[in-house]
C-alpha atoms as a PDB file:
ATOM      1  CA  MET A   1      -4.797   3.332  53.671  1.00  0.00           C
ATOM      2  CA  TRP A   2      -1.356   2.013  53.675  1.00  0.00           C
ATOM      3  CA  TRP A   3      -1.318   2.226  50.065  1.00  0.00           C
ATOM      4  CA  THR A   4      -1.984   6.090  49.931  1.00  0.00           C
ATOM      5  CA  ARG A   5       1.126   6.596  52.115  1.00  0.00           C
ATOM      6  CA  LEU A   6       2.951   4.285  49.751  1.00  0.00           C
ATOM      7  CA  ALA A   7       2.201   6.219  46.759  1.00  0.00           C
ATOM      8  CA  LEU A   8       2.933   9.774  48.450  1.00  0.00           C
ATOM      9  CA  LEU A   9       6.185   8.216  49.563  1.00  0.00           C
ATOM     10  CA  THR A  10       6.872   7.111  46.010  1.00  0.00           C
ATOM     11  CA  CYS A  11       6.071  10.532  44.369  1.00  0.00           C
ATOM     12  CA  LEU A  12       8.181  12.456  46.987  1.00  0.00           C
ATOM     13  CA  THR A  13      11.141  10.081  46.112  1.00  0.00           C
ATOM     14  CA  VAL A  14      10.618  10.533  42.509  1.00  0.00           C
ATOM     15  CA  LEU A  15      10.404  14.502  42.888  1.00  0.00           C
ATOM     16  CA  PHE A  16      13.502  14.439  44.951  1.00  0.00           C
ATOM     17  CA  VAL A  17      15.407  12.393  42.689  1.00  0.00           C
ATOM     18  CA  LEU A  18      14.290  15.008  39.405  1.00  0.00           C
ATOM     19  CA  THR A  19      15.432  17.795  41.534  1.00  0.00           C
ATOM     20  CA  LEU A  20      18.540  16.393  42.489  1.00  0.00           C
ATOM     21  CA  PHE A  21      19.572  15.493  38.771  1.00  0.00           C
ATOM     22  CA  HIS A  22      17.838  18.380  37.143  1.00  0.00           C
ATOM     23  CA  GLU A  23      21.177  19.375  35.418  1.00  0.00           C
ATOM     24  CA  VAL A  24      21.391  16.048  33.514  1.00  0.00           C
ATOM     25  CA  ASN A  25      20.465  16.817  29.800  1.00  0.00           C
ATOM     26  CA  SER A  26      19.899  12.893  28.459  1.00  0.00           C
ATOM     27  CA  ALA A  27      20.438   9.469  29.591  1.00  0.00           C
ATOM     28  CA  SER A  28      22.571   8.613  26.543  1.00  0.00           C
ATOM     29  CA  VAL A  29      26.184   7.642  26.683  1.00  0.00           C
ATOM     30  CA  SER A  30      28.548  10.257  25.050  1.00  0.00           C
ATOM     31  CA  ASN A  31      31.127   9.102  22.143  1.00  0.00           C
ATOM     32  CA  GLY A  32      33.808  11.457  23.809  1.00  0.00           C
ATOM     33  CA  LYS A  33      33.560  14.032  21.602  1.00  0.00           C
ATOM     34  CA  VAL A  34      32.207  17.428  22.985  1.00  0.00           C
ATOM     35  CA  ASP A  35      29.874  19.524  20.994  1.00  0.00           C
ATOM     36  CA  LYS A  36      30.171  23.166  21.492  1.00  0.00           C
ATOM     37  CA  ASN A  37      26.622  23.754  20.665  1.00  0.00           C
ATOM     38  CA  ALA A  38      25.400  20.905  22.799  1.00  0.00           C
ATOM     39  CA  ALA A  39      27.388  22.297  25.854  1.00  0.00           C
ATOM     40  CA  SER A  40      25.463  25.516  25.683  1.00  0.00           C
ATOM     41  CA  PRO A  41      22.032  25.567  27.163  1.00  0.00           C
ATOM     42  CA  GLN A  42      20.491  26.489  23.871  1.00  0.00           C
ATOM     43  CA  GLY A  43      22.686  24.022  21.846  1.00  0.00           C
ATOM     44  CA  GLY A  44      20.069  21.405  21.416  1.00  0.00           C
ATOM     45  CA  LEU A  45      17.431  23.638  20.650  1.00  0.00           C
ATOM     46  CA  ARG A  46      19.619  25.273  17.862  1.00  0.00           C
ATOM     47  CA  ARG A  47      20.101  21.977  16.143  1.00  0.00           C
ATOM     48  CA  ILE A  48      16.293  21.429  16.171  1.00  0.00           C
ATOM     49  CA  PHE A  49      14.674  24.645  15.452  1.00  0.00           C
ATOM     50  CA  MET A  50      15.602  26.996  12.443  1.00  0.00           C
ATOM     51  CA  GLN A  51      15.940  30.622  12.641  1.00  0.00           C
ATOM     52  CA  GLU A  52      13.054  32.998  12.356  1.00  0.00           C
ATOM     53  CA  SER A  53      13.979  34.454   9.125  1.00  0.00           C
ATOM     54  CA  ASP A  54      14.287  30.840   7.568  1.00  0.00           C
ATOM     55  CA  ALA A  55      11.146  29.809   9.163  1.00  0.00           C
ATOM     56  CA  SER A  56       9.185  32.703   7.560  1.00  0.00           C
ATOM     57  CA  SER A  57      10.610  32.173   4.221  1.00  0.00           C
ATOM     58  CA  PHE A  58       9.761  28.445   4.296  1.00  0.00           C
ATOM     59  CA  PHE A  59       6.219  29.278   4.291  1.00  0.00           C
ATOM     60  CA  LYS A  60       6.409  32.175   1.976  1.00  0.00           C
ATOM     61  CA  ARG A  61       8.454  30.245  -0.591  1.00  0.00           C
ATOM     62  CA  ARG A  62       4.940  29.176  -2.366  1.00  0.00           C
ATOM     63  CA  GLY A  63       1.398  29.791  -1.067  1.00  0.00           C
ATOM     64  CA  ARG A  64      -1.409  27.563  -1.883  1.00  0.00           C
ATOM     65  CA  ARG A  65      -2.611  29.380  -5.243  1.00  0.00           C
ATOM     66  CA  ALA A  66       0.861  30.290  -6.383  1.00  0.00           C
ATOM     67  CA  VAL A  67       2.284  29.094  -9.805  1.00  0.00           C
ATOM     68  CA  LYS A  68       4.053  25.972  -9.813  1.00  0.00           C
ATOM     69  CA  THR A  69       7.739  25.502 -11.222  1.00  0.00           C
ATOM     70  CA  GLN A  70       8.039  23.723 -14.436  1.00  0.00           C
ATOM     71  CA  ASP A  71      10.083  21.169 -12.727  1.00  0.00           C
ATOM     72  CA  GLU A  72       7.223  20.434 -10.059  1.00  0.00           C
ATOM     73  CA  ILE A  73       4.623  20.297 -13.054  1.00  0.00           C
ATOM     74  CA  ASN A  74       6.939  17.676 -14.936  1.00  0.00           C
ATOM     75  CA  ALA A  75       7.252  15.678 -11.804  1.00  0.00           C
ATOM     76  CA  GLU A  76       3.527  15.664 -11.076  1.00  0.00           C
ATOM     77  CA  GLN A  77       3.083  14.666 -15.085  1.00  0.00           C
ATOM     78  CA  ARG A  78       5.623  11.812 -14.760  1.00  0.00           C
ATOM     79  CA  GLN A  79       3.957  10.589 -11.661  1.00  0.00           C
ATOM     80  CA  ARG A  80       0.487  10.545 -13.471  1.00  0.00           C
ATOM     81  CA  LEU A  81       1.774   8.865 -16.479  1.00  0.00           C
ATOM     82  CA  ALA A  82       3.334   6.264 -14.403  1.00  0.00           C
ATOM     83  CA  ALA A  83       0.296   5.650 -12.428  1.00  0.00           C
ATOM     84  CA  ASP A  84      -1.744   5.379 -15.601  1.00  0.00           C
ATOM     85  CA  GLU A  85       0.840   2.915 -17.206  1.00  0.00           C
ATOM     86  CA  ARG A  86       0.330   0.769 -13.970  1.00  0.00           C
ATOM     87  CA  LYS A  87      -3.321   0.828 -14.234  1.00  0.00           C
ATOM     88  CA  ARG A  88      -3.364   0.102 -17.962  1.00  0.00           C
ATOM     89  CA  GLU A  89      -0.956  -2.702 -17.221  1.00  0.00           C
ATOM     90  CA  TYR A  90      -3.165  -4.236 -14.452  1.00  0.00           C
ATOM     91  CA  HIS A  91      -6.213  -3.845 -16.517  1.00  0.00           C
ATOM     92  CA  GLU A  92      -4.541  -5.583 -19.426  1.00  0.00           C
ATOM     93  CA  GLU A  93      -3.268  -8.565 -17.408  1.00  0.00           C
ATOM     94  CA  GLN A  94      -6.790  -8.900 -15.809  1.00  0.00           C
ATOM     95  CA  ARG A  95      -8.529  -8.927 -19.257  1.00  0.00           C
ATOM     96  CA  ASN A  96      -5.842 -11.497 -20.704  1.00  0.00           C
ATOM     97  CA  GLU A  97      -6.482 -13.741 -17.656  1.00  0.00           C
ATOM     98  CA  PHE A  98     -10.197 -13.513 -18.172  1.00  0.00           C
ATOM     99  CA  GLU A  99     -10.111 -14.151 -21.762  1.00  0.00           C
ATOM    100  CA  SER A 100      -7.895 -17.374 -21.225  1.00  0.00           C
ATOM    101  CA  TYR A 101     -10.524 -18.569 -18.764  1.00  0.00           C
ATOM    102  CA  ALA A 102     -13.294 -17.978 -20.758  1.00  0.00           C
ATOM    103  CA  GLU A 103     -11.645 -19.475 -23.873  1.00  0.00           C
ATOM    104  CA  GLU A 104     -10.824 -22.447 -21.511  1.00  0.00           C
ATOM    105  CA  GLU A 105     -14.442 -22.756 -20.406  1.00  0.00           C
ATOM    106  CA  HIS A 106     -15.650 -22.613 -23.927  1.00  0.00           C
ATOM    107  CA  ASP A 107     -13.140 -25.422 -25.001  1.00  0.00           C
ATOM    108  CA  GLU A 108     -14.492 -27.550 -21.980  1.00  0.00           C
ATOM    109  CA  GLN A 109     -18.121 -27.031 -22.870  1.00  0.00           C
ATOM    110  CA  ASP A 110     -17.441 -27.845 -26.436  1.00  0.00           C
ATOM    111  CA  GLU A 111     -15.675 -30.995 -25.435  1.00  0.00           C
ATOM    112  CA  ARG A 112     -18.515 -31.965 -22.989  1.00  0.00           C
ATOM    113  CA  THR A 113     -21.142 -31.416 -25.725  1.00  0.00           C
ATOM    114  CA  ARG A 114     -19.099 -33.579 -28.289  1.00  0.00           C
ATOM    115  CA  GLU A 115     -18.826 -36.339 -25.643  1.00  0.00           C
ATOM    116  CA  LYS A 116     -22.657 -35.977 -25.055  1.00  0.00           C
ATOM    117  CA  THR A 117     -23.517 -36.219 -28.509  1.00  0.00           C
ATOM    118  CA  GLU A 118     -21.300 -39.049 -29.149  1.00  0.00           C
ATOM    119  CA  GLN A 119     -22.673 -41.014 -26.396  1.00  0.00           C
ATOM    120  CA  TRP A 120     -26.321 -40.327 -27.508  1.00  0.00           C
ATOM    121  CA  ARG A 121     -25.464 -41.384 -30.933  1.00  0.00           C
ATOM    122  CA  GLU A 122     -23.766 -44.742 -29.626  1.00  0.00           C
ATOM    123  CA  PHE A 123     -27.007 -45.433 -27.452  1.00  0.00           C
ATOM    124  CA  HIS A 124     -29.388 -44.711 -30.314  1.00  0.00           C
ATOM    125  CA  TYR A 125     -27.456 -46.403 -33.231  1.00  0.00           C
ATOM    126  CA  ASP A 126     -29.940 -48.646 -34.801  1.00  0.00           C
ATOM    127  CA  GLY A 127     -27.298 -50.168 -37.380  1.00  0.00           C
ATOM    128  CA  LEU A 128     -28.311 -48.311 -40.395  1.00  0.00           C
ATOM    129  CA  ASP A 129     -26.511 -45.543 -41.698  1.00  0.00           C
ATOM    130  CA  PRO A 130     -27.719 -42.880 -41.710  1.00  0.00           C
ATOM    131  CA  SER A 131     -29.845 -43.694 -38.811  1.00  0.00           C
ATOM    132  CA  TYR A 132     -33.428 -44.934 -39.370  1.00  0.00           C
ATOM    133  CA  GLU A 133     -34.890 -42.756 -36.865  1.00  0.00           C
ATOM    134  CA  TYR A 134     -33.970 -39.611 -39.142  1.00  0.00           C
ATOM    135  CA  ASN A 135     -34.860 -41.344 -42.478  1.00  0.00           C
ATOM    136  CA  ARG A 136     -38.376 -42.371 -41.285  1.00  0.00           C
ATOM    137  CA  HIS A 137     -41.135 -40.986 -43.842  1.00  0.00           C
ATOM    138  CA  THR A 138     -44.378 -39.861 -42.483  1.00  0.00           C
ATOM    139  CA  ILE A 139     -47.351 -41.758 -43.755  1.00  0.00           C
END
C-alpha cells in the first residue's frame, strides 16, 4: 500500500512543478538574440503553420486529375528512362556473367572429355596403328 502513496506523491509533485513553470516555452539554451516572433505567444506557431490563404492554394494548385506541366512530364520521363537504362545495364551484366560462366563450363567439360579419351586410348593401345580393335574384320 505504501507504493500507491509514493506514486500519488510523485504525481502531485510533477503537477506542481508543471504549474509552477508553465511560462517556460522550451528547455533549449538561447543564443542571446531575441526573436520578435518567438517573443509573442503566437510566434512559434506562425513559423510552423502557413496562412490560411496559402494553405488553401497549396491544395488547389493541382488536383488529382489535373493536367501535368511539361516540366513534370519531362522529369518523369527522364526518371523512367534512367530506370530503364539501369535495368538494361543490370540485365546485360547478368547475361555477360552467365555467358562467361557457361563458356568456362563448356571449356572445362571439353578438357575433361579430351583427357578421358586420351586415357582410354593409352589404356587400350595394342601397339598397332591404327588400333587393331577397330580394324577387325568379321568372319
